[in-house]
PDB file of N, CA and C in Angstrom:
ATOM      1  N   UNK A   1     -21.859 -27.479  -6.797  1.00  0.00           N
ATOM      2  CA  UNK A   1     -20.840 -26.083  -7.992  1.00  0.00           C
ATOM      3  C   UNK A   1     -20.403 -27.051  -8.959  1.00  0.00           C
ATOM      4  N   UNK A   2     -20.221 -26.508 -10.232  1.00  0.00           N
ATOM      5  CA  UNK A   2     -19.778 -27.271 -11.345  1.00  0.00           C
ATOM      6  C   UNK A   2     -18.212 -26.940 -11.267  1.00  0.00           C
ATOM      7  N   UNK A   3     -17.523 -28.069 -11.712  1.00  0.00           N
ATOM      8  CA  UNK A   3     -15.844 -27.919 -11.688  1.00  0.00           C
ATOM      9  C   UNK A   3     -15.750 -27.073 -13.159  1.00  0.00           C
ATOM     10  N   UNK A   4     -14.486 -26.945 -12.901  1.00  0.00           N
ATOM     11  CA  UNK A   4     -13.876 -25.876 -14.464  1.00  0.00           C
ATOM     12  C   UNK A   4     -12.881 -26.767 -15.183  1.00  0.00           C
ATOM     13  N   UNK A   5     -13.237 -27.332 -16.150  1.00  0.00           N
ATOM     14  CA  UNK A   5     -12.235 -27.942 -16.963  1.00  0.00           C
ATOM     15  C   UNK A   5     -10.730 -27.548 -17.089  1.00  0.00           C
ATOM     16  N   UNK A   6     -10.677 -26.225 -17.241  1.00  0.00           N
ATOM     17  CA  UNK A   6      -9.689 -25.182 -17.709  1.00  0.00           C
ATOM     18  C   UNK A   6      -9.229 -24.340 -16.648  1.00  0.00           C
ATOM     19  N   UNK A   7      -7.968 -24.214 -16.452  1.00  0.00           N
ATOM     20  CA  UNK A   7      -7.615 -23.305 -15.364  1.00  0.00           C
ATOM     21  C   UNK A   7      -7.880 -21.935 -15.699  1.00  0.00           C
ATOM     22  N   UNK A   8      -8.027 -21.172 -14.502  1.00  0.00           N
ATOM     23  CA  UNK A   8      -8.491 -19.835 -15.053  1.00  0.00           C
ATOM     24  C   UNK A   8      -7.610 -18.751 -15.734  1.00  0.00           C
ATOM     25  N   UNK A   9      -6.348 -19.244 -15.850  1.00  0.00           N
ATOM     26  CA  UNK A   9      -5.281 -18.561 -16.746  1.00  0.00           C
ATOM     27  C   UNK A   9      -5.689 -18.919 -18.363  1.00  0.00           C
ATOM     28  N   UNK A  10      -6.019 -20.136 -18.430  1.00  0.00           N
ATOM     29  CA  UNK A  10      -6.418 -20.689 -19.785  1.00  0.00           C
ATOM     30  C   UNK A  10      -7.950 -19.972 -20.229  1.00  0.00           C
ATOM     31  N   UNK A  11      -8.739 -19.971 -19.174  1.00  0.00           N
ATOM     32  CA  UNK A  11      -9.777 -19.308 -19.617  1.00  0.00           C
ATOM     33  C   UNK A  11      -9.540 -17.921 -19.898  1.00  0.00           C
ATOM     34  N   UNK A  12      -8.971 -17.103 -19.253  1.00  0.00           N
ATOM     35  CA  UNK A  12      -8.590 -15.461 -19.673  1.00  0.00           C
ATOM     36  C   UNK A  12      -7.913 -15.440 -21.070  1.00  0.00           C
ATOM     37  N   UNK A  13      -6.829 -16.412 -21.080  1.00  0.00           N
ATOM     38  CA  UNK A  13      -6.218 -16.492 -22.482  1.00  0.00           C
ATOM     39  C   UNK A  13      -7.180 -16.882 -23.839  1.00  0.00           C
ATOM     40  N   UNK A  14      -8.091 -17.681 -23.448  1.00  0.00           N
ATOM     41  CA  UNK A  14      -8.990 -18.293 -24.684  1.00  0.00           C
ATOM     42  C   UNK A  14     -10.307 -16.952 -24.984  1.00  0.00           C
ATOM     43  N   UNK A  15     -10.664 -16.184 -23.696  1.00  0.00           N
ATOM     44  CA  UNK A  15     -11.483 -14.985 -23.741  1.00  0.00           C
ATOM     45  C   UNK A  15     -10.862 -14.207 -24.484  1.00  0.00           C
ATOM     46  N   UNK A  16      -9.651 -13.523 -24.147  1.00  0.00           N
ATOM     47  CA  UNK A  16      -9.090 -12.629 -24.839  1.00  0.00           C
ATOM     48  C   UNK A  16      -8.783 -12.971 -26.077  1.00  0.00           C
ATOM     49  N   UNK A  17      -8.597 -14.316 -26.740  1.00  0.00           N
ATOM     50  CA  UNK A  17      -8.285 -14.651 -28.161  1.00  0.00           C
ATOM     51  C   UNK A  17      -9.696 -14.613 -28.891  1.00  0.00           C
ATOM     52  N   UNK A  18     -10.809 -14.761 -28.339  1.00  0.00           N
ATOM     53  CA  UNK A  18     -12.409 -14.849 -28.709  1.00  0.00           C
ATOM     54  C   UNK A  18     -12.523 -13.349 -29.038  1.00  0.00           C
ATOM     55  N   UNK A  19     -11.878 -12.613 -27.915  1.00  0.00           N
ATOM     56  CA  UNK A  19     -12.483 -11.049 -28.098  1.00  0.00           C
ATOM     57  C   UNK A  19     -11.632 -10.476 -29.107  1.00  0.00           C
ATOM     58  N   UNK A  20     -10.660 -10.842 -29.499  1.00  0.00           N
ATOM     59  CA  UNK A  20      -9.873 -10.483 -30.433  1.00  0.00           C
ATOM     60  C   UNK A  20     -10.234 -10.836 -31.937  1.00  0.00           C
ATOM     61  N   UNK A  21     -10.610 -12.134 -32.060  1.00  0.00           N
ATOM     62  CA  UNK A  21     -11.438 -12.498 -33.119  1.00  0.00           C
ATOM     63  C   UNK A  21     -12.726 -12.142 -33.552  1.00  0.00           C
ATOM     64  N   UNK A  22     -13.407 -11.945 -32.653  1.00  0.00           N
ATOM     65  CA  UNK A  22     -14.509 -11.164 -32.711  1.00  0.00           C
ATOM     66  C   UNK A  22     -14.686  -9.737 -33.270  1.00  0.00           C
ATOM     67  N   UNK A  23     -13.471  -9.079 -32.864  1.00  0.00           N
ATOM     68  CA  UNK A  23     -13.209  -7.752 -33.447  1.00  0.00           C
ATOM     69  C   UNK A  23     -13.142  -7.649 -34.990  1.00  0.00           C
ATOM     70  N   UNK A  24     -12.782  -8.343 -35.338  1.00  0.00           N
ATOM     71  CA  UNK A  24     -12.519  -8.684 -36.857  1.00  0.00           C
ATOM     72  C   UNK A  24     -13.487  -9.097 -37.851  1.00  0.00           C
ATOM     73  N   UNK A  25     -14.694  -9.622 -37.008  1.00  0.00           N
ATOM     74  CA  UNK A  25     -15.943 -10.063 -37.789  1.00  0.00           C
ATOM     75  C   UNK A  25     -17.169  -9.330 -37.066  1.00  0.00           C
ATOM     76  N   UNK A  26     -18.273  -9.524 -38.075  1.00  0.00           N
ATOM     77  CA  UNK A  26     -19.754  -9.539 -37.303  1.00  0.00           C
ATOM     78  C   UNK A  26     -20.271 -10.587 -36.624  1.00  0.00           C
ATOM     79  N   UNK A  27     -19.463 -11.780 -36.644  1.00  0.00           N
ATOM     80  CA  UNK A  27     -20.125 -12.907 -35.865  1.00  0.00           C
ATOM     81  C   UNK A  27     -19.911 -12.926 -34.635  1.00  0.00           C
ATOM     82  N   UNK A  28     -20.564 -13.786 -33.790  1.00  0.00           N
ATOM     83  CA  UNK A  28     -20.059 -13.984 -32.213  1.00  0.00           C
ATOM     84  C   UNK A  28     -19.688 -15.499 -32.143  1.00  0.00           C
ATOM     85  N   UNK A  29     -18.499 -15.443 -31.546  1.00  0.00           N
ATOM     86  CA  UNK A  29     -17.892 -16.887 -31.397  1.00  0.00           C
ATOM     87  C   UNK A  29     -18.257 -17.471 -29.845  1.00  0.00           C
ATOM     88  N   UNK A  30     -18.426 -18.583 -29.826  1.00  0.00           N
ATOM     89  CA  UNK A  30     -18.815 -19.315 -28.549  1.00  0.00           C
ATOM     90  C   UNK A  30     -17.669 -20.716 -28.451  1.00  0.00           C
ATOM     91  N   UNK A  31     -17.198 -20.613 -27.219  1.00  0.00           N
ATOM     92  CA  UNK A  31     -16.204 -21.563 -26.924  1.00  0.00           C
ATOM     93  C   UNK A  31     -16.745 -22.930 -26.251  1.00  0.00           C
ATOM     94  N   UNK A  32     -16.645 -24.097 -26.365  1.00  0.00           N
ATOM     95  CA  UNK A  32     -17.253 -25.090 -25.982  1.00  0.00           C
ATOM     96  C   UNK A  32     -15.995 -26.120 -25.552  1.00  0.00           C
ATOM     97  N   UNK A  33     -15.950 -26.510 -24.333  1.00  0.00           N
ATOM     98  CA  UNK A  33     -14.961 -27.211 -23.904  1.00  0.00           C
ATOM     99  C   UNK A  33     -15.693 -28.242 -23.236  1.00  0.00           C
ATOM    100  N   UNK A  34     -15.554 -29.761 -24.252  1.00  0.00           N
ATOM    101  CA  UNK A  34     -16.098 -30.940 -23.904  1.00  0.00           C
ATOM    102  C   UNK A  34     -15.197 -32.031 -23.220  1.00  0.00           C
ATOM    103  N   UNK A  35     -15.460 -32.768 -22.352  1.00  0.00           N
ATOM    104  CA  UNK A  35     -14.632 -33.959 -21.764  1.00  0.00           C
ATOM    105  C   UNK A  35     -14.314 -34.805 -23.013  1.00  0.00           C
ATOM    106  N   UNK A  36     -15.115 -35.156 -23.440  1.00  0.00           N
ATOM    107  CA  UNK A  36     -14.894 -36.189 -24.712  1.00  0.00           C
ATOM    108  C   UNK A  36     -15.869 -36.032 -25.862  1.00  0.00           C
ATOM    109  N   UNK A  37     -15.573 -36.080 -27.042  1.00  0.00           N
ATOM    110  CA  UNK A  37     -16.289 -35.824 -28.122  1.00  0.00           C
ATOM    111  C   UNK A  37     -17.129 -37.348 -28.584  1.00  0.00           C
ATOM    112  N   UNK A  38     -17.783 -37.280 -29.772  1.00  0.00           N
ATOM    113  CA  UNK A  38     -18.610 -38.586 -30.089  1.00  0.00           C
ATOM    114  C   UNK A  38     -17.719 -39.623 -30.501  1.00  0.00           C
ATOM    115  N   UNK A  39     -18.341 -40.819 -30.402  1.00  0.00           N
ATOM    116  CA  UNK A  39     -17.389 -41.973 -30.901  1.00  0.00           C
ATOM    117  C   UNK A  39     -17.579 -42.229 -32.155  1.00  0.00           C
ATOM    118  N   UNK A  40     -18.532 -41.340 -33.012  1.00  0.00           N
ATOM    119  CA  UNK A  40     -18.584 -41.655 -34.441  1.00  0.00           C
ATOM    120  C   UNK A  40     -18.849 -42.896 -34.847  1.00  0.00           C
ATOM    121  N   UNK A  41     -19.752 -43.751 -33.863  1.00  0.00           N
ATOM    122  CA  UNK A  41     -20.068 -45.206 -34.582  1.00  0.00           C
ATOM    123  C   UNK A  41     -20.940 -45.081 -35.887  1.00  0.00           C
ATOM    124  N   UNK A  42     -21.582 -44.415 -36.151  1.00  0.00           N
ATOM    125  CA  UNK A  42     -22.580 -44.491 -37.264  1.00  0.00           C
ATOM    126  C   UNK A  42     -21.882 -44.387 -38.581  1.00  0.00           C
ATOM    127  N   UNK A  43     -21.064 -43.385 -38.831  1.00  0.00           N
ATOM    128  CA  UNK A  43     -20.125 -43.202 -39.669  1.00  0.00           C
ATOM    129  C   UNK A  43     -19.055 -44.337 -40.184  1.00  0.00           C
ATOM    130  N   UNK A  44     -18.521 -44.798 -39.140  1.00  0.00           N
ATOM    131  CA  UNK A  44     -17.679 -45.772 -39.180  1.00  0.00           C
ATOM    132  C   UNK A  44     -18.655 -47.144 -39.576  1.00  0.00           C
ATOM    133  N   UNK A  45     -19.696 -47.368 -39.302  1.00  0.00           N
ATOM    134  CA  UNK A  45     -20.433 -48.667 -39.511  1.00  0.00           C
ATOM    135  C   UNK A  45     -21.003 -48.346 -40.698  1.00  0.00           C
ATOM    136  N   UNK A  46     -21.565 -47.051 -41.315  1.00  0.00           N
ATOM    137  CA  UNK A  46     -21.537 -46.826 -42.572  1.00  0.00           C
ATOM    138  C   UNK A  46     -20.486 -47.127 -43.635  1.00  0.00           C
ATOM    139  N   UNK A  47     -19.528 -46.980 -43.163  1.00  0.00           N
ATOM    140  CA  UNK A  47     -18.076 -47.192 -44.208  1.00  0.00           C
ATOM    141  C   UNK A  47     -17.810 -48.745 -44.263  1.00  0.00           C
ATOM    142  N   UNK A  48     -18.095 -49.579 -42.861  1.00  0.00           N
ATOM    143  CA  UNK A  48     -17.930 -50.996 -42.978  1.00  0.00           C
ATOM    144  C   UNK A  48     -18.943 -51.690 -43.746  1.00  0.00           C
ATOM    145  N   UNK A  49     -20.035 -51.295 -43.606  1.00  0.00           N
ATOM    146  CA  UNK A  49     -20.962 -51.865 -44.227  1.00  0.00           C
ATOM    147  C   UNK A  49     -20.939 -51.477 -46.122  1.00  0.00           C
ATOM    148  N   UNK A  50     -20.463 -50.648 -45.920  1.00  0.00           N
ATOM    149  CA  UNK A  50     -20.261 -50.094 -47.598  1.00  0.00           C
ATOM    150  C   UNK A  50     -19.352 -50.942 -48.243  1.00  0.00           C
ATOM    151  N   UNK A  51     -18.397 -51.259 -47.585  1.00  0.00           N
ATOM    152  CA  UNK A  51     -16.862 -51.692 -47.638  1.00  0.00           C
ATOM    153  C   UNK A  51     -17.435 -53.356 -48.022  1.00  0.00           C
ATOM    154  N   UNK A  52     -18.185 -53.928 -46.796  1.00  0.00           N
ATOM    155  CA  UNK A  52     -18.289 -55.207 -47.150  1.00  0.00           C
ATOM    156  C   UNK A  52     -19.476 -55.752 -48.232  1.00  0.00           C
ATOM    157  N   UNK A  53     -20.505 -54.572 -48.584  1.00  0.00           N
ATOM    158  CA  UNK A  53     -21.299 -54.730 -49.733  1.00  0.00           C
ATOM    159  C   UNK A  53     -20.523 -54.885 -51.113  1.00  0.00           C
ATOM    160  N   UNK A  54     -19.462 -53.813 -51.334  1.00  0.00           N
ATOM    161  CA  UNK A  54     -18.521 -53.869 -52.325  1.00  0.00           C
ATOM    162  C   UNK A  54     -17.738 -55.162 -52.387  1.00  0.00           C
ATOM    163  N   UNK A  55     -17.175 -55.453 -51.482  1.00  0.00           N
ATOM    164  CA  UNK A  55     -16.495 -56.808 -51.519  1.00  0.00           C
ATOM    165  C   UNK A  55     -17.139 -58.089 -51.917  1.00  0.00           C
ATOM    166  N   UNK A  56     -18.676 -58.127 -51.311  1.00  0.00           N
ATOM    167  CA  UNK A  56     -19.276 -59.084 -51.476  1.00  0.00           C
ATOM    168  C   UNK A  56     -20.037 -58.936 -53.194  1.00  0.00           C
ATOM    169  N   UNK A  57     -20.242 -58.115 -53.476  1.00  0.00           N
ATOM    170  CA  UNK A  57     -20.279 -57.948 -55.079  1.00  0.00           C
ATOM    171  C   UNK A  57     -19.610 -58.180 -55.934  1.00  0.00           C
ATOM    172  N   UNK A  58     -18.093 -58.079 -55.437  1.00  0.00           N
ATOM    173  CA  UNK A  58     -16.984 -58.508 -56.089  1.00  0.00           C
ATOM    174  C   UNK A  58     -17.020 -60.105 -56.222  1.00  0.00           C
ATOM    175  N   UNK A  59     -17.134 -60.364 -55.091  1.00  0.00           N
ATOM    176  CA  UNK A  59     -16.912 -61.978 -54.950  1.00  0.00           C
ATOM    177  C   UNK A  59     -18.244 -62.724 -55.936  1.00  0.00           C
ATOM    178  N   UNK A  60     -19.129 -62.013 -55.922  1.00  0.00           N
ATOM    179  CA  UNK A  60     -20.561 -62.603 -56.435  1.00  0.00           C
ATOM    180  C   UNK A  60     -20.135 -62.751 -57.964  1.00  0.00           C
ATOM    181  N   UNK A  61     -19.367 -61.529 -58.559  1.00  0.00           N
ATOM    182  CA  UNK A  61     -19.180 -61.510 -59.748  1.00  0.00           C
ATOM    183  C   UNK A  61     -17.983 -62.392 -60.215  1.00  0.00           C
ATOM    184  N   UNK A  62     -17.070 -62.693 -59.171  1.00  0.00           N
ATOM    185  CA  UNK A  62     -16.298 -63.493 -59.470  1.00  0.00           C
ATOM    186  C   UNK A  62     -16.592 -64.882 -59.450  1.00  0.00           C
ATOM    187  N   UNK A  63     -17.489 -65.552 -58.362  1.00  0.00           N
ATOM    188  CA  UNK A  63     -18.078 -66.729 -58.689  1.00  0.00           C
ATOM    189  C   UNK A  63     -18.873 -67.010 -59.697  1.00  0.00           C
ATOM    190  N   UNK A  64     -19.631 -66.033 -60.407  1.00  0.00           N
ATOM    191  CA  UNK A  64     -20.231 -66.144 -61.628  1.00  0.00           C
ATOM    192  C   UNK A  64     -19.456 -66.239 -62.701  1.00  0.00           C
ATOM    193  N   UNK A  65     -18.246 -65.507 -63.018  1.00  0.00           N
ATOM    194  CA  UNK A  65     -17.428 -65.586 -63.973  1.00  0.00           C
ATOM    195  C   UNK A  65     -16.815 -67.255 -63.982  1.00  0.00           C
ATOM    196  N   UNK A  66     -16.862 -67.709 -62.762  1.00  0.00           N
ATOM    197  CA  UNK A  66     -16.238 -69.075 -62.714  1.00  0.00           C
ATOM    198  C   UNK A  66     -17.292 -70.368 -63.014  1.00  0.00           C
ATOM    199  N   UNK A  67     -18.432 -69.656 -63.392  1.00  0.00           N
ATOM    200  CA  UNK A  67     -19.557 -70.331 -63.185  1.00  0.00           C
ATOM    201  C   UNK A  67     -20.184 -71.442 -62.438  1.00  0.00           C
ATOM    202  N   UNK A  68     -20.108 -70.545 -60.988  1.00  0.00           N
ATOM    203  CA  UNK A  68     -20.445 -71.161 -59.614  1.00  0.00           C
ATOM    204  C   UNK A  68     -21.572 -70.148 -59.286  1.00  0.00           C
ATOM    205  N   UNK A  69     -22.691 -70.797 -59.212  1.00  0.00           N
ATOM    206  CA  UNK A  69     -23.916 -69.868 -58.861  1.00  0.00           C
ATOM    207  C   UNK A  69     -24.121 -69.991 -57.326  1.00  0.00           C
ATOM    208  N   UNK A  70     -24.582 -69.162 -56.606  1.00  0.00           N
ATOM    209  CA  UNK A  70     -25.349 -69.148 -55.537  1.00  0.00           C
ATOM    210  C   UNK A  70     -26.583 -68.645 -55.474  1.00  0.00           C
ATOM    211  N   UNK A  71     -27.333 -69.411 -54.720  1.00  0.00           N
ATOM    212  CA  UNK A  71     -28.709 -69.061 -54.999  1.00  0.00           C
ATOM    213  C   UNK A  71     -28.908 -67.801 -53.787  1.00  0.00           C
ATOM    214  N   UNK A  72     -29.996 -66.723 -54.263  1.00  0.00           N
ATOM    215  CA  UNK A  72     -30.137 -65.583 -53.640  1.00  0.00           C
ATOM    216  C   UNK A  72     -30.374 -65.847 -52.323  1.00  0.00           C
ATOM    217  N   UNK A  73     -31.093 -66.715 -51.472  1.00  0.00           N
ATOM    218  CA  UNK A  73     -31.304 -66.473 -50.087  1.00  0.00           C
ATOM    219  C   UNK A  73     -29.957 -66.905 -49.547  1.00  0.00           C
ATOM    220  N   UNK A  74     -29.041 -67.867 -50.117  1.00  0.00           N
ATOM    221  CA  UNK A  74     -28.094 -68.346 -49.559  1.00  0.00           C
ATOM    222  C   UNK A  74     -26.843 -66.678 -49.273  1.00  0.00           C
ATOM    223  N   UNK A  75     -27.137 -66.001 -50.477  1.00  0.00           N
ATOM    224  CA  UNK A  75     -25.895 -65.227 -50.731  1.00  0.00           C
ATOM    225  C   UNK A  75     -26.625 -63.754 -49.710  1.00  0.00           C
ATOM    226  N   UNK A  76     -27.853 -63.638 -49.441  1.00  0.00           N
ATOM    227  CA  UNK A  76     -28.710 -62.657 -48.684  1.00  0.00           C
ATOM    228  C   UNK A  76     -28.202 -62.882 -47.412  1.00  0.00           C
ATOM    229  N   UNK A  77     -28.234 -64.478 -47.025  1.00  0.00           N
ATOM    230  CA  UNK A  77     -27.711 -64.678 -45.624  1.00  0.00           C
ATOM    231  C   UNK A  77     -26.302 -64.653 -45.387  1.00  0.00           C
ATOM    232  N   UNK A  78     -25.621 -64.875 -46.237  1.00  0.00           N
ATOM    233  CA  UNK A  78     -23.931 -64.572 -46.399  1.00  0.00           C
ATOM    234  C   UNK A  78     -23.867 -63.112 -46.152  1.00  0.00           C
ATOM    235  N   UNK A  79     -24.657 -62.461 -46.989  1.00  0.00           N
ATOM    236  CA  UNK A  79     -24.336 -60.676 -46.725  1.00  0.00           C
ATOM    237  C   UNK A  79     -24.685 -60.356 -45.427  1.00  0.00           C
ATOM    238  N   UNK A  80     -25.852 -61.132 -44.646  1.00  0.00           N
ATOM    239  CA  UNK A  80     -26.092 -60.536 -43.306  1.00  0.00           C
ATOM    240  C   UNK A  80     -25.210 -61.008 -42.172  1.00  0.00           C
ATOM    241  N   UNK A  81     -24.731 -62.067 -42.639  1.00  0.00           N
ATOM    242  CA  UNK A  81     -23.839 -62.724 -41.671  1.00  0.00           C
ATOM    243  C   UNK A  81     -22.673 -61.943 -41.720  1.00  0.00           C
ATOM    244  N   UNK A  82     -21.901 -61.572 -42.938  1.00  0.00           N
ATOM    245  CA  UNK A  82     -20.894 -60.829 -43.114  1.00  0.00           C
ATOM    246  C   UNK A  82     -21.140 -59.215 -42.446  1.00  0.00           C
ATOM    247  N   UNK A  83     -22.412 -58.797 -42.560  1.00  0.00           N
ATOM    248  CA  UNK A  83     -22.482 -57.247 -41.874  1.00  0.00           C
ATOM    249  C   UNK A  83     -22.412 -57.249 -40.312  1.00  0.00           C
ATOM    250  N   UNK A  84     -23.243 -58.370 -39.924  1.00  0.00           N
ATOM    251  CA  UNK A  84     -23.316 -58.633 -38.591  1.00  0.00           C
ATOM    252  C   UNK A  84     -21.698 -58.715 -37.865  1.00  0.00           C
ATOM    253  N   UNK A  85     -21.017 -59.257 -38.517  1.00  0.00           N
ATOM    254  CA  UNK A  85     -19.461 -59.617 -38.076  1.00  0.00           C
ATOM    255  C   UNK A  85     -18.770 -58.373 -38.201  1.00  0.00           C
ATOM    256  N   UNK A  86     -18.861 -57.602 -39.123  1.00  0.00           N
ATOM    257  CA  UNK A  86     -18.395 -56.117 -39.168  1.00  0.00           C
ATOM    258  C   UNK A  86     -18.964 -55.379 -38.149  1.00  0.00           C
ATOM    259  N   UNK A  87     -20.414 -55.329 -38.096  1.00  0.00           N
ATOM    260  CA  UNK A  87     -20.547 -54.291 -36.929  1.00  0.00           C
ATOM    261  C   UNK A  87     -20.217 -55.022 -35.477  1.00  0.00           C
ATOM    262  N   UNK A  88     -19.908 -56.232 -35.201  1.00  0.00           N
ATOM    263  CA  UNK A  88     -19.359 -56.280 -33.807  1.00  0.00           C
ATOM    264  C   UNK A  88     -18.075 -56.097 -33.753  1.00  0.00           C
ATOM    265  N   UNK A  89     -17.116 -55.977 -34.694  1.00  0.00           N
ATOM    266  CA  UNK A  89     -15.865 -55.485 -34.608  1.00  0.00           C
ATOM    267  C   UNK A  89     -15.993 -54.103 -34.113  1.00  0.00           C
TER     268      UNK A  89
END
């Protein structure tokens, strides 16, 4: 038998609110009660990776302005290590 995550009183109150809201629209409303939502790892990882790329681009321009050059393979390895460390956090 499935357990109810909400009490019967809450269920009745929510059902009544849905009926009232549905009476004002042509749409149909579904209530979904979840124990937990997604952790949203991918958007967070995307933003962290994007920030890391922006910072590394700024650092590379700064080093170039100071007449310090980094060979491309070393720069790519540094970016990959930075991305790995960002994703581990």
